[in-house]
C-alpha cells in the first residue's frame, strides 16, 4: 500500500489503476506462443532464455529459475528467485 503523504510529495507518472494492472501482468506467467503441443516446452525454454537475457541486460542481479511445470504447458514463470 502506498503512503498517502509520500504520494503527495512525489509525482507519480502512472495512475494507480495502471500500476495495479501492470503488477498483475508481471505476476502472471508469460505464454510462449507455441502452436502445437509438442512445441510448447521448446518455445517456453527459448522464451525463458530471452527473458533472462533481457533481465541481465537491464542490470538484474537475481537468479531466475523457470518453473518446470509451467514450461511443459508452454508458459514461463519463476520457480524460485535468490539474490546473489
Protein backbone atom coordinates (compact mmCIF):
# COMPACT_ATOMS: atom_id res chain seq x y z
CA UNK A 1 0.00 0.00 0.00
CA UNK A 2 1.29 3.42 -0.86
CA UNK A 3 1.71 6.06 1.83
CA UNK A 4 -0.68 8.97 1.02
CA UNK A 5 1.83 11.54 2.35
CA UNK A 6 4.53 10.16 0.10
CA UNK A 7 2.16 10.21 -2.88
CA UNK A 8 1.63 13.93 -2.40
CA UNK A 9 5.37 14.60 -2.28
CA UNK A 10 6.46 12.55 -5.28
CA UNK A 11 4.85 12.92 -8.69
CA UNK A 12 3.63 9.56 -9.97
CA UNK A 13 3.61 9.33 -13.79
CA UNK A 14 1.31 6.28 -13.60
CA UNK A 15 -2.22 6.49 -12.29
CA UNK A 16 -2.95 3.97 -9.53
CA UNK A 17 -5.16 1.66 -11.65
CA UNK A 18 -2.36 1.36 -14.22
CA UNK A 19 0.12 0.34 -11.50
CA UNK A 20 -2.16 -2.43 -10.26
CA UNK A 21 -2.77 -3.65 -13.83
CA UNK A 22 0.97 -3.76 -14.51
CA UNK A 23 1.61 -5.57 -11.23
CA UNK A 24 -0.96 -8.23 -12.16
CA UNK A 25 0.64 -8.59 -15.61
CA UNK A 26 4.10 -9.10 -14.03
CA UNK A 27 2.73 -11.74 -11.69
CA UNK A 28 1.21 -13.85 -14.49
CA UNK A 29 3.30 -16.42 -16.39
CA UNK A 30 4.31 -15.46 -19.92
CA UNK A 31 2.76 -17.51 -22.71
CA UNK A 32 5.50 -18.66 -25.10
CA UNK A 33 3.07 -18.82 -28.02
CA UNK A 34 3.62 -22.38 -29.23
CA UNK A 35 1.07 -23.63 -31.73
CA UNK A 36 1.50 -27.38 -31.27
CA UNK A 37 1.52 -29.31 -28.04
CA UNK A 38 4.89 -30.86 -28.88
CA UNK A 39 6.48 -27.44 -29.35
CA UNK A 40 5.28 -25.93 -26.08
CA UNK A 41 8.26 -26.87 -23.93
CA UNK A 42 10.85 -25.82 -26.52
CA UNK A 43 9.13 -22.50 -27.15
CA UNK A 44 8.85 -21.84 -23.41
CA UNK A 45 12.54 -22.67 -22.87
CA UNK A 46 13.54 -20.27 -25.65
CA UNK A 47 11.25 -17.58 -24.23
CA UNK A 48 12.80 -18.10 -20.78
CA UNK A 49 16.31 -17.67 -22.23
CA UNK A 50 15.24 -14.43 -23.90
CA UNK A 51 13.63 -13.11 -20.71
CA UNK A 52 16.73 -13.93 -18.65
CA UNK A 53 18.92 -12.13 -21.21
CA UNK A 54 16.64 -9.06 -21.07
CA UNK A 55 16.69 -9.03 -17.28
CA UNK A 56 20.50 -9.27 -17.19
CA UNK A 57 20.80 -6.50 -19.80
CA UNK A 58 18.69 -4.32 -17.51
CA UNK A 59 21.00 -5.00 -14.57
CA UNK A 60 19.02 -7.62 -12.68
CA UNK A 61 21.27 -9.45 -10.22
CA UNK A 62 18.82 -12.20 -9.23
CA UNK A 63 18.88 -15.76 -10.49
CA UNK A 64 15.79 -16.75 -12.45
CA UNK A 65 14.80 -20.41 -12.48
CA UNK A 66 11.83 -21.22 -14.71
CA UNK A 67 9.06 -23.35 -13.22
CA UNK A 68 9.36 -26.79 -14.95
CA UNK A 69 5.63 -27.49 -14.67
CA UNK A 70 4.81 -24.25 -16.47
CA UNK A 71 7.41 -24.96 -19.18
CA UNK A 72 5.54 -28.16 -20.07
CA UNK A 73 2.37 -26.04 -20.50
CA UNK A 74 4.21 -23.59 -22.79
CA UNK A 75 4.42 -20.82 -20.20
CA UNK A 76 7.31 -19.13 -18.43
CA UNK A 77 7.10 -18.32 -14.73
CA UNK A 78 9.61 -18.20 -11.89
CA UNK A 79 10.06 -21.29 -9.76
CA UNK A 80 12.42 -19.58 -7.36
CA UNK A 81 14.48 -16.47 -7.14
CA UNK A 82 17.53 -15.97 -4.94
CA UNK A 83 19.52 -12.78 -4.56
CA UNK A 84 23.26 -13.14 -5.22
